[in-house]
């Protein structure tokens, strides 16, 4: 039962891939960018990527984005921010982010 719970937890840690001009150019170097949960560390990110995509992760870098304040009239609020994970894969591994139509 705990193994199923752990695998479900790994699936929920990775939010979505970050797709920009810079990140699509980095895919050629086997580097991928993902938005992940703010509370996890590099080892958990590595385990989640290896479990979800069945690849071998070489290196993980992370960065926390600063909090952004959004105003609407007299009200202020915070925009939800995620931790950004930069994943470097082995030369033999790759992730197919863009589905072939």
PDB file of N, CA and C in Angstrom:
ATOM      1  N   UNK A   1       0.827  -1.201   0.000  1.00  0.00           N
ATOM      2  CA  UNK A   1       0.000   0.000   0.000  1.00  0.00           C
ATOM      3  C   UNK A   1       0.860   1.250   0.000  1.00  0.00           C
ATOM      4  N   UNK A   2       1.956   1.240   0.729  1.00  0.00           N
ATOM      5  CA  UNK A   2       2.801   2.428   0.783  1.00  0.00           C
ATOM      6  C   UNK A   2       3.513   2.664  -0.544  1.00  0.00           C
ATOM      7  N   UNK A   3       3.813   1.592  -1.287  1.00  0.00           N
ATOM      8  CA  UNK A   3       4.458   1.733  -2.578  1.00  0.00           C
ATOM      9  C   UNK A   3       3.544   2.450  -3.567  1.00  0.00           C
ATOM     10  N   UNK A   4       2.268   2.156  -3.545  1.00  0.00           N
ATOM     11  CA  UNK A   4       1.306   2.817  -4.427  1.00  0.00           C
ATOM     12  C   UNK A   4       1.174   4.286  -4.041  1.00  0.00           C
ATOM     13  N   UNK A   5       1.157   4.559  -2.749  1.00  0.00           N
ATOM     14  CA  UNK A   5       1.082   5.943  -2.274  1.00  0.00           C
ATOM     15  C   UNK A   5       2.314   6.728  -2.700  1.00  0.00           C
ATOM     16  N   UNK A   6       3.494   6.108  -2.615  1.00  0.00           N
ATOM     17  CA  UNK A   6       4.740   6.777  -2.986  1.00  0.00           C
ATOM     18  C   UNK A   6       4.773   7.096  -4.479  1.00  0.00           C
ATOM     19  N   UNK A   7       4.319   6.164  -5.317  1.00  0.00           N
ATOM     20  CA  UNK A   7       4.286   6.402  -6.761  1.00  0.00           C
ATOM     21  C   UNK A   7       3.297   7.506  -7.117  1.00  0.00           C
ATOM     22  N   UNK A   8       2.161   7.564  -6.439  1.00  0.00           N
ATOM     23  CA  UNK A   8       1.179   8.626  -6.659  1.00  0.00           C
ATOM     24  C   UNK A   8       1.756   9.971  -6.256  1.00  0.00           C
ATOM     25  N   UNK A   9       2.524   9.997  -5.167  1.00  0.00           N
ATOM     26  CA  UNK A   9       3.171  11.225  -4.717  1.00  0.00           C
ATOM     27  C   UNK A   9       4.174  11.717  -5.752  1.00  0.00           C
ATOM     28  N   UNK A  10       4.947  10.791  -6.345  1.00  0.00           N
ATOM     29  CA  UNK A  10       5.916  11.166  -7.372  1.00  0.00           C
ATOM     30  C   UNK A  10       5.231  11.770  -8.597  1.00  0.00           C
ATOM     31  N   UNK A  11       4.078  11.255  -8.950  1.00  0.00           N
ATOM     32  CA  UNK A  11       3.346  11.791 -10.100  1.00  0.00           C
ATOM     33  C   UNK A  11       2.846  13.208  -9.843  1.00  0.00           C
ATOM     34  N   UNK A  12       2.511  13.531  -8.596  1.00  0.00           N
ATOM     35  CA  UNK A  12       1.970  14.847  -8.272  1.00  0.00           C
ATOM     36  C   UNK A  12       3.041  15.912  -8.056  1.00  0.00           C
ATOM     37  N   UNK A  13       4.301  15.524  -7.961  1.00  0.00           N
ATOM     38  CA  UNK A  13       5.359  16.499  -7.705  1.00  0.00           C
ATOM     39  C   UNK A  13       5.657  17.373  -8.917  1.00  0.00           C
ATOM     40  N   UNK A  14       5.584  16.806 -10.112  1.00  0.00           N
ATOM     41  CA  UNK A  14       5.888  17.541 -11.336  1.00  0.00           C
ATOM     42  C   UNK A  14       4.598  18.182 -11.837  1.00  0.00           C
ATOM     43  N   UNK A  15       4.592  19.532 -11.935  1.00  0.00           N
ATOM     44  CA  UNK A  15       3.375  20.247 -12.337  1.00  0.00           C
ATOM     45  C   UNK A  15       3.199  20.243 -13.849  1.00  0.00           C
ATOM     46  N   UNK A  16       4.152  20.847 -14.581  1.00  0.00           N
ATOM     47  CA  UNK A  16       4.062  20.942 -16.035  1.00  0.00           C
ATOM     48  C   UNK A  16       5.426  21.315 -16.598  1.00  0.00           C
ATOM     49  N   UNK A  17       5.681  21.018 -17.892  1.00  0.00           N
ATOM     50  CA  UNK A  17       6.932  21.469 -18.507  1.00  0.00           C
ATOM     51  C   UNK A  17       6.838  22.951 -18.857  1.00  0.00           C
ATOM     52  N   UNK A  18       7.951  23.640 -18.749  1.00  0.00           N
ATOM     53  CA  UNK A  18       8.011  25.065 -19.109  1.00  0.00           C
ATOM     54  C   UNK A  18       8.458  25.150 -20.557  1.00  0.00           C
ATOM     55  N   UNK A  19       7.607  25.721 -21.415  1.00  0.00           N
ATOM     56  CA  UNK A  19       7.884  25.806 -22.841  1.00  0.00           C
ATOM     57  C   UNK A  19       8.045  27.276 -23.229  1.00  0.00           C
ATOM     58  N   UNK A  20       9.270  27.670 -23.533  1.00  0.00           N
ATOM     59  CA  UNK A  20       9.578  29.000 -24.050  1.00  0.00           C
ATOM     60  C   UNK A  20      10.594  28.832 -25.172  1.00  0.00           C
ATOM     61  N   UNK A  21      11.001  29.937 -25.793  1.00  0.00           N
ATOM     62  CA  UNK A  21      12.015  29.864 -26.846  1.00  0.00           C
ATOM     63  C   UNK A  21      13.334  29.335 -26.296  1.00  0.00           C
ATOM     64  N   UNK A  22      13.709  29.810 -25.123  1.00  0.00           N
ATOM     65  CA  UNK A  22      14.972  29.389 -24.512  1.00  0.00           C
ATOM     66  C   UNK A  22      14.954  27.906 -24.158  1.00  0.00           C
ATOM     67  N   UNK A  23      13.837  27.424 -23.625  1.00  0.00           N
ATOM     68  CA  UNK A  23      13.778  26.025 -23.209  1.00  0.00           C
ATOM     69  C   UNK A  23      13.709  25.076 -24.404  1.00  0.00           C
ATOM     70  N   UNK A  24      13.082  25.491 -25.499  1.00  0.00           N
ATOM     71  CA  UNK A  24      13.042  24.620 -26.680  1.00  0.00           C
ATOM     72  C   UNK A  24      14.426  24.517 -27.328  1.00  0.00           C
ATOM     73  N   UNK A  25      15.230  25.572 -27.242  1.00  0.00           N
ATOM     74  CA  UNK A  25      16.608  25.485 -27.730  1.00  0.00           C
ATOM     75  C   UNK A  25      17.451  24.595 -26.828  1.00  0.00           C
ATOM     76  N   UNK A  26      17.164  24.593 -25.538  1.00  0.00           N
ATOM     77  CA  UNK A  26      17.926  23.777 -24.594  1.00  0.00           C
ATOM     78  C   UNK A  26      17.618  22.293 -24.745  1.00  0.00           C
ATOM     79  N   UNK A  27      16.498  21.945 -25.362  1.00  0.00           N
ATOM     80  CA  UNK A  27      16.143  20.538 -25.569  1.00  0.00           C
ATOM     81  C   UNK A  27      17.178  19.853 -26.461  1.00  0.00           C
ATOM     82  N   UNK A  28      17.793  20.611 -27.362  1.00  0.00           N
ATOM     83  CA  UNK A  28      18.832  20.043 -28.223  1.00  0.00           C
ATOM     84  C   UNK A  28      20.037  19.575 -27.411  1.00  0.00           C
ATOM     85  N   UNK A  29      20.273  20.195 -26.255  1.00  0.00           N
ATOM     86  CA  UNK A  29      21.375  19.809 -25.374  1.00  0.00           C
ATOM     87  C   UNK A  29      20.938  18.822 -24.294  1.00  0.00           C
ATOM     88  N   UNK A  30      19.750  18.239 -24.463  1.00  0.00           N
ATOM     89  CA  UNK A  30      19.181  17.284 -23.503  1.00  0.00           C
ATOM     90  C   UNK A  30      18.923  17.925 -22.142  1.00  0.00           C
ATOM     91  N   UNK A  31      18.498  19.179 -22.134  1.00  0.00           N
ATOM     92  CA  UNK A  31      18.153  19.898 -20.916  1.00  0.00           C
ATOM     93  C   UNK A  31      16.682  20.265 -20.978  1.00  0.00           C
ATOM     94  N   UNK A  32      15.948  19.931 -19.907  1.00  0.00           N
ATOM     95  CA  UNK A  32      14.508  20.156 -19.858  1.00  0.00           C
ATOM     96  C   UNK A  32      14.162  20.987 -18.630  1.00  0.00           C
ATOM     97  N   UNK A  33      13.125  21.816 -18.743  1.00  0.00           N
ATOM     98  CA  UNK A  33      12.680  22.692 -17.659  1.00  0.00           C
ATOM     99  C   UNK A  33      11.280  22.268 -17.234  1.00  0.00           C
ATOM    100  N   UNK A  34      11.081  22.137 -15.920  1.00  0.00           N
ATOM    101  CA  UNK A  34       9.786  21.760 -15.375  1.00  0.00           C
ATOM    102  C   UNK A  34       9.433  22.649 -14.194  1.00  0.00           C
ATOM    103  N   UNK A  35       8.157  22.924 -14.027  1.00  0.00           N
ATOM    104  CA  UNK A  35       7.648  23.570 -12.820  1.00  0.00           C
ATOM    105  C   UNK A  35       7.294  22.446 -11.854  1.00  0.00           C
ATOM    106  N   UNK A  36       7.830  22.552 -10.639  1.00  0.00           N
ATOM    107  CA  UNK A  36       7.621  21.499  -9.643  1.00  0.00           C
ATOM    108  C   UNK A  36       7.096  22.115  -8.355  1.00  0.00           C
ATOM    109  N   UNK A  37       6.701  21.251  -7.427  1.00  0.00           N
ATOM    110  CA  UNK A  37       6.220  21.687  -6.122  1.00  0.00           C
ATOM    111  C   UNK A  37       7.347  22.371  -5.363  1.00  0.00           C
ATOM    112  N   UNK A  38       7.029  23.437  -4.630  1.00  0.00           N
ATOM    113  CA  UNK A  38       8.046  24.227  -3.935  1.00  0.00           C
ATOM    114  C   UNK A  38       8.709  23.488  -2.778  1.00  0.00           C
ATOM    115  N   UNK A  39       8.084  22.468  -2.235  1.00  0.00           N
ATOM    116  CA  UNK A  39       8.573  21.827  -1.016  1.00  0.00           C
ATOM    117  C   UNK A  39       9.520  20.650  -1.259  1.00  0.00           C
ATOM    118  N   UNK A  40       9.718  20.222  -2.483  1.00  0.00           N
ATOM    119  CA  UNK A  40      10.534  19.034  -2.719  1.00  0.00           C
ATOM    120  C   UNK A  40      11.988  19.414  -2.982  1.00  0.00           C
ATOM    121  N   UNK A  41      12.877  18.440  -2.815  1.00  0.00           N
ATOM    122  CA  UNK A  41      14.296  18.680  -3.029  1.00  0.00           C
ATOM    123  C   UNK A  41      14.759  18.014  -4.321  1.00  0.00           C
ATOM    124  N   UNK A  42      16.056  18.124  -4.599  1.00  0.00           N
ATOM    125  CA  UNK A  42      16.597  17.645  -5.863  1.00  0.00           C
ATOM    126  C   UNK A  42      16.513  16.122  -5.998  1.00  0.00           C
ATOM    127  N   UNK A  43      16.701  15.394  -4.910  1.00  0.00           N
ATOM    128  CA  UNK A  43      16.630  13.941  -4.991  1.00  0.00           C
ATOM    129  C   UNK A  43      15.221  13.474  -5.344  1.00  0.00           C
ATOM    130  N   UNK A  44      14.212  14.108  -4.768  1.00  0.00           N
ATOM    131  CA  UNK A  44      12.823  13.736  -5.087  1.00  0.00           C
ATOM    132  C   UNK A  44      12.471  14.117  -6.522  1.00  0.00           C
ATOM    133  N   UNK A  45      12.996  15.241  -7.009  1.00  0.00           N
ATOM    134  CA  UNK A  45      12.764  15.627  -8.402  1.00  0.00           C
ATOM    135  C   UNK A  45      13.386  14.597  -9.333  1.00  0.00           C
ATOM    136  N   UNK A  46      14.597  14.171  -9.024  1.00  0.00           N
ATOM    137  CA  UNK A  46      15.281  13.170  -9.844  1.00  0.00           C
ATOM    138  C   UNK A  46      14.498  11.858  -9.870  1.00  0.00           C
ATOM    139  N   UNK A  47      14.033  11.399  -8.715  1.00  0.00           N
ATOM    140  CA  UNK A  47      13.261  10.159  -8.655  1.00  0.00           C
ATOM    141  C   UNK A  47      11.959  10.285  -9.443  1.00  0.00           C
ATOM    142  N   UNK A  48      11.293  11.434  -9.350  1.00  0.00           N
ATOM    143  CA  UNK A  48      10.024  11.626 -10.050  1.00  0.00           C
ATOM    144  C   UNK A  48      10.219  11.627 -11.556  1.00  0.00           C
ATOM    145  N   UNK A  49      11.237  12.327 -12.059  1.00  0.00           N
ATOM    146  CA  UNK A  49      11.488  12.379 -13.505  1.00  0.00           C
ATOM    147  C   UNK A  49      11.868  10.994 -14.028  1.00  0.00           C
ATOM    148  N   UNK A  50      12.705  10.291 -13.286  1.00  0.00           N
ATOM    149  CA  UNK A  50      13.105   8.951 -13.729  1.00  0.00           C
ATOM    150  C   UNK A  50      11.930   7.979 -13.714  1.00  0.00           C
ATOM    151  N   UNK A  51      11.011   8.134 -12.755  1.00  0.00           N
ATOM    152  CA  UNK A  51       9.853   7.245 -12.692  1.00  0.00           C
ATOM    153  C   UNK A  51       8.830   7.580 -13.775  1.00  0.00           C
ATOM    154  N   UNK A  52       8.536   8.855 -13.972  1.00  0.00           N
ATOM    155  CA  UNK A  52       7.482   9.252 -14.910  1.00  0.00           C
ATOM    156  C   UNK A  52       7.896   9.005 -16.360  1.00  0.00           C
ATOM    157  N   UNK A  53       9.110   9.433 -16.736  1.00  0.00           N
ATOM    158  CA  UNK A  53       9.525   9.386 -18.137  1.00  0.00           C
ATOM    159  C   UNK A  53      10.450   8.227 -18.467  1.00  0.00           C
ATOM    160  N   UNK A  54      10.852   7.436 -17.485  1.00  0.00           N
ATOM    161  CA  UNK A  54      11.723   6.282 -17.678  1.00  0.00           C
ATOM    162  C   UNK A  54      13.019   6.673 -18.392  1.00  0.00           C
ATOM    163  N   UNK A  55      13.717   7.659 -17.830  1.00  0.00           N
ATOM    164  CA  UNK A  55      14.978   8.159 -18.370  1.00  0.00           C
ATOM    165  C   UNK A  55      16.029   8.167 -17.257  1.00  0.00           C
ATOM    166  N   UNK A  56      17.272   8.413 -17.624  1.00  0.00           N
ATOM    167  CA  UNK A  56      18.373   8.508 -16.663  1.00  0.00           C
ATOM    168  C   UNK A  56      18.757   9.983 -16.513  1.00  0.00           C
ATOM    169  N   UNK A  57      18.588  10.531 -15.308  1.00  0.00           N
ATOM    170  CA  UNK A  57      18.887  11.934 -15.033  1.00  0.00           C
ATOM    171  C   UNK A  57      20.347  12.062 -14.624  1.00  0.00           C
ATOM    172  N   UNK A  58      21.039  13.009 -15.254  1.00  0.00           N
ATOM    173  CA  UNK A  58      22.441  13.244 -14.964  1.00  0.00           C
ATOM    174  C   UNK A  58      22.618  14.329 -13.905  1.00  0.00           C
ATOM    175  N   UNK A  59      21.825  15.412 -13.991  1.00  0.00           N
ATOM    176  CA  UNK A  59      22.002  16.550 -13.093  1.00  0.00           C
ATOM    177  C   UNK A  59      20.678  17.278 -12.911  1.00  0.00           C
ATOM    178  N   UNK A  60      20.446  17.823 -11.702  1.00  0.00           N
ATOM    179  CA  UNK A  60      19.240  18.590 -11.401  1.00  0.00           C
ATOM    180  C   UNK A  60      19.655  19.921 -10.778  1.00  0.00           C
ATOM    181  N   UNK A  61      19.186  21.017 -11.342  1.00  0.00           N
ATOM    182  CA  UNK A  61      19.354  22.342 -10.748  1.00  0.00           C
ATOM    183  C   UNK A  61      17.966  22.898 -10.465  1.00  0.00           C
ATOM    184  N   UNK A  62      17.840  23.658  -9.379  1.00  0.00           N
ATOM    185  CA  UNK A  62      16.550  24.241  -9.032  1.00  0.00           C
ATOM    186  C   UNK A  62      16.715  25.718  -8.727  1.00  0.00           C
ATOM    187  N   UNK A  63      15.620  26.457  -8.863  1.00  0.00           N
ATOM    188  CA  UNK A  63      15.596  27.850  -8.448  1.00  0.00           C
ATOM    189  C   UNK A  63      14.185  28.237  -8.060  1.00  0.00           C
ATOM    190  N   UNK A  64      14.092  29.070  -7.013  1.00  0.00           N
ATOM    191  CA  UNK A  64      12.813  29.594  -6.556  1.00  0.00           C
ATOM    192  C   UNK A  64      12.613  30.974  -7.154  1.00  0.00           C
ATOM    193  N   UNK A  65      11.496  31.166  -7.805  1.00  0.00           N
ATOM    194  CA  UNK A  65      11.189  32.468  -8.375  1.00  0.00           C
ATOM    195  C   UNK A  65      10.665  33.389  -7.272  1.00  0.00           C
ATOM    196  N   UNK A  66      10.963  34.699  -7.359  1.00  0.00           N
ATOM    197  CA  UNK A  66      10.459  35.613  -6.320  1.00  0.00           C
ATOM    198  C   UNK A  66       8.940  35.764  -6.407  1.00  0.00           C
ATOM    199  N   UNK A  67       8.334  36.122  -5.281  1.00  0.00           N
ATOM    200  CA  UNK A  67       6.882  36.296  -5.212  1.00  0.00           C
ATOM    201  C   UNK A  67       6.482  37.549  -5.973  1.00  0.00           C
ATOM    202  N   UNK A  68       5.441  37.454  -6.773  1.00  0.00           N
ATOM    203  CA  UNK A  68       4.915  38.597  -7.515  1.00  0.00           C
ATOM    204  C   UNK A  68       3.615  39.059  -6.865  1.00  0.00           C
ATOM    205  N   UNK A  69       3.464  40.364  -6.747  1.00  0.00           N
ATOM    206  CA  UNK A  69       2.257  40.966  -6.175  1.00  0.00           C
ATOM    207  C   UNK A  69       1.375  41.454  -7.317  1.00  0.00           C
ATOM    208  N   UNK A  70       0.117  41.118  -7.254  1.00  0.00           N
ATOM    209  CA  UNK A  70      -0.858  41.528  -8.269  1.00  0.00           C
ATOM    210  C   UNK A  70      -1.885  42.423  -7.609  1.00  0.00           C
ATOM    211  N   UNK A  71      -2.202  43.557  -8.233  1.00  0.00           N
ATOM    212  CA  UNK A  71      -3.197  44.481  -7.696  1.00  0.00           C
ATOM    213  C   UNK A  71      -4.451  44.447  -8.560  1.00  0.00           C
ATOM    214  N   UNK A  72      -5.580  44.537  -7.906  1.00  0.00           N
ATOM    215  CA  UNK A  72      -6.862  44.670  -8.581  1.00  0.00           C
ATOM    216  C   UNK A  72      -7.669  45.680  -7.772  1.00  0.00           C
ATOM    217  N   UNK A  73      -7.652  46.927  -8.227  1.00  0.00           N
ATOM    218  CA  UNK A  73      -8.299  47.986  -7.464  1.00  0.00           C
ATOM    219  C   UNK A  73      -7.517  48.261  -6.194  1.00  0.00           C
ATOM    220  N   UNK A  74      -8.182  48.203  -5.074  1.00  0.00           N
ATOM    221  CA  UNK A  74      -7.503  48.433  -3.802  1.00  0.00           C
ATOM    222  C   UNK A  74      -6.978  47.151  -3.160  1.00  0.00           C
ATOM    223  N   UNK A  75      -7.221  46.014  -3.801  1.00  0.00           N
ATOM    224  CA  UNK A  75      -6.823  44.726  -3.244  1.00  0.00           C
ATOM    225  C   UNK A  75      -5.473  44.290  -3.808  1.00  0.00           C
ATOM    226  N   UNK A  76      -4.662  43.665  -2.957  1.00  0.00           N
ATOM    227  CA  UNK A  76      -3.380  43.108  -3.360  1.00  0.00           C
ATOM    228  C   UNK A  76      -3.390  41.616  -3.072  1.00  0.00           C
ATOM    229  N   UNK A  77      -2.715  40.886  -3.918  1.00  0.00           N
ATOM    230  CA  UNK A  77      -2.614  39.447  -3.700  1.00  0.00           C
ATOM    231  C   UNK A  77      -1.332  38.915  -4.292  1.00  0.00           C
ATOM    232  N   UNK A  78      -1.021  37.689  -3.964  1.00  0.00           N
ATOM    233  CA  UNK A  78       0.181  37.044  -4.462  1.00  0.00           C
ATOM    234  C   UNK A  78      -0.173  36.088  -5.586  1.00  0.00           C
ATOM    235  N   UNK A  79       0.688  36.044  -6.590  1.00  0.00           N
ATOM    236  CA  UNK A  79       0.538  35.104  -7.687  1.00  0.00           C
ATOM    237  C   UNK A  79       1.203  33.795  -7.272  1.00  0.00           C
ATOM    238  N   UNK A  80       0.582  32.678  -7.564  1.00  0.00           N
ATOM    239  CA  UNK A  80       1.125  31.376  -7.199  1.00  0.00           C
ATOM    240  C   UNK A  80       2.400  31.144  -8.004  1.00  0.00           C
ATOM    241  N   UNK A  81       3.472  30.860  -7.309  1.00  0.00           N
ATOM    242  CA  UNK A  81       4.762  30.597  -7.930  1.00  0.00           C
ATOM    243  C   UNK A  81       5.169  29.147  -7.666  1.00  0.00           C
ATOM    244  N   UNK A  82       5.870  28.568  -8.629  1.00  0.00           N
ATOM    245  CA  UNK A  82       6.385  27.213  -8.481  1.00  0.00           C
ATOM    246  C   UNK A  82       7.898  27.259  -8.528  1.00  0.00           C
ATOM    247  N   UNK A  83       8.521  26.209  -8.042  1.00  0.00           N
ATOM    248  CA  UNK A  83       9.961  26.049  -8.161  1.00  0.00           C
ATOM    249  C   UNK A  83      10.260  25.591  -9.584  1.00  0.00           C
ATOM    250  N   UNK A  84      11.323  26.119 -10.161  1.00  0.00           N
ATOM    251  CA  UNK A  84      11.724  25.724 -11.505  1.00  0.00           C
ATOM    252  C   UNK A  84      12.850  24.701 -11.389  1.00  0.00           C
ATOM    253  N   UNK A  85      12.702  23.573 -12.068  1.00  0.00           N
ATOM    254  CA  UNK A  85      13.716  22.525 -12.060  1.00  0.00           C
ATOM    255  C   UNK A  85      14.315  22.419 -13.455  1.00  0.00           C
ATOM    256  N   UNK A  86      15.636  22.453 -13.515  1.00  0.00           N
ATOM    257  CA  UNK A  86      16.364  22.315 -14.769  1.00  0.00           C
ATOM    258  C   UNK A  86      17.002  20.932 -14.750  1.00  0.00           C
ATOM    259  N   UNK A  87      16.564  20.076 -15.669  1.00  0.00           N
ATOM    260  CA  UNK A  87      16.950  18.667 -15.683  1.00  0.00           C
ATOM    261  C   UNK A  87      17.890  18.419 -16.850  1.00  0.00           C
ATOM    262  N   UNK A  88      19.065  17.892 -16.560  1.00  0.00           N
ATOM    263  CA  UNK A  88      20.026  17.484 -17.587  1.00  0.00           C
ATOM    264  C   UNK A  88      20.023  15.968 -17.647  1.00  0.00           C
ATOM    265  N   UNK A  89      19.751  15.421 -18.843  1.00  0.00           N
ATOM    266  CA  UNK A  89      19.669  13.975 -19.018  1.00  0.00           C
ATOM    267  C   UNK A  89      20.952  13.415 -19.616  1.00  0.00           C
ATOM    268  N   UNK A  90      21.119  12.087 -19.495  1.00  0.00           N
ATOM    269  CA  UNK A  90      22.225  11.411 -20.158  1.00  0.00           C
ATOM    270  C   UNK A  90      22.075  11.538 -21.670  1.00  0.00           C
ATOM    271  N   UNK A  91      23.162  11.281 -22.383  1.00  0.00           N
ATOM    272  CA  UNK A  91      23.135  11.437 -23.840  1.00  0.00           C
ATOM    273  C   UNK A  91      22.233  10.403 -24.514  1.00  0.00           C
ATOM    274  N   UNK A  92      22.028   9.249 -23.874  1.00  0.00           N
ATOM    275  CA  UNK A  92      21.178   8.214 -24.479  1.00  0.00           C
ATOM    276  C   UNK A  92      19.697   8.459 -24.242  1.00  0.00           C
ATOM    277  N   UNK A  93      19.350   9.261 -23.249  1.00  0.00           N
ATOM    278  CA  UNK A  93      17.947   9.468 -22.861  1.00  0.00           C
ATOM    279  C   UNK A  93      17.386  10.729 -23.493  1.00  0.00           C
ATOM    280  N   UNK A  94      16.073  10.737 -23.693  1.00  0.00           N
ATOM    281  CA  UNK A  94      15.362  11.933 -24.160  1.00  0.00           C
ATOM    282  C   UNK A  94      13.901  11.825 -23.754  1.00  0.00           C
ATOM    283  N   UNK A  95      13.244  12.998 -23.643  1.00  0.00           N
ATOM    284  CA  UNK A  95      11.829  13.071 -23.283  1.00  0.00           C
ATOM    285  C   UNK A  95      11.087  13.659 -24.466  1.00  0.00           C
ATOM    286  N   UNK A  96       9.979  13.036 -24.855  1.00  0.00           N
ATOM    287  CA  UNK A  96       9.167  13.544 -25.951  1.00  0.00           C
ATOM    288  C   UNK A  96       8.076  14.445 -25.371  1.00  0.00           C
ATOM    289  N   UNK A  97       8.357  15.748 -25.264  1.00  0.00           N
ATOM    290  CA  UNK A  97       7.376  16.695 -24.729  1.00  0.00           C
ATOM    291  C   UNK A  97       6.332  17.041 -25.774  1.00  0.00           C
ATOM    292  N   UNK A  98       6.773  17.215 -27.026  1.00  0.00           N
ATOM    293  CA  UNK A  98       5.867  17.573 -28.101  1.00  0.00           C
ATOM    294  C   UNK A  98       5.349  16.301 -28.765  1.00  0.00           C
ATOM    295  N   UNK A  99       4.058  16.071 -28.644  1.00  0.00           N
ATOM    296  CA  UNK A  99       3.451  14.874 -29.233  1.00  0.00           C
ATOM    297  C   UNK A  99       3.373  15.010 -30.744  1.00  0.00           C
ATOM    298  N   UNK A 100       3.663  13.911 -31.448  1.00  0.00           N
ATOM    299  CA  UNK A 100       3.556  13.903 -32.904  1.00  0.00           C
ATOM    300  C   UNK A 100       2.109  13.768 -33.301  1.00  0.00           C
ATOM    301  N   UNK A 101       1.636  14.642 -34.221  1.00  0.00           N
ATOM    302  CA  UNK A 101       0.234  14.568 -34.630  1.00  0.00           C
ATOM    303  C   UNK A 101       0.037  13.729 -35.856  1.00  0.00           C
TER     304      UNK A 101
END
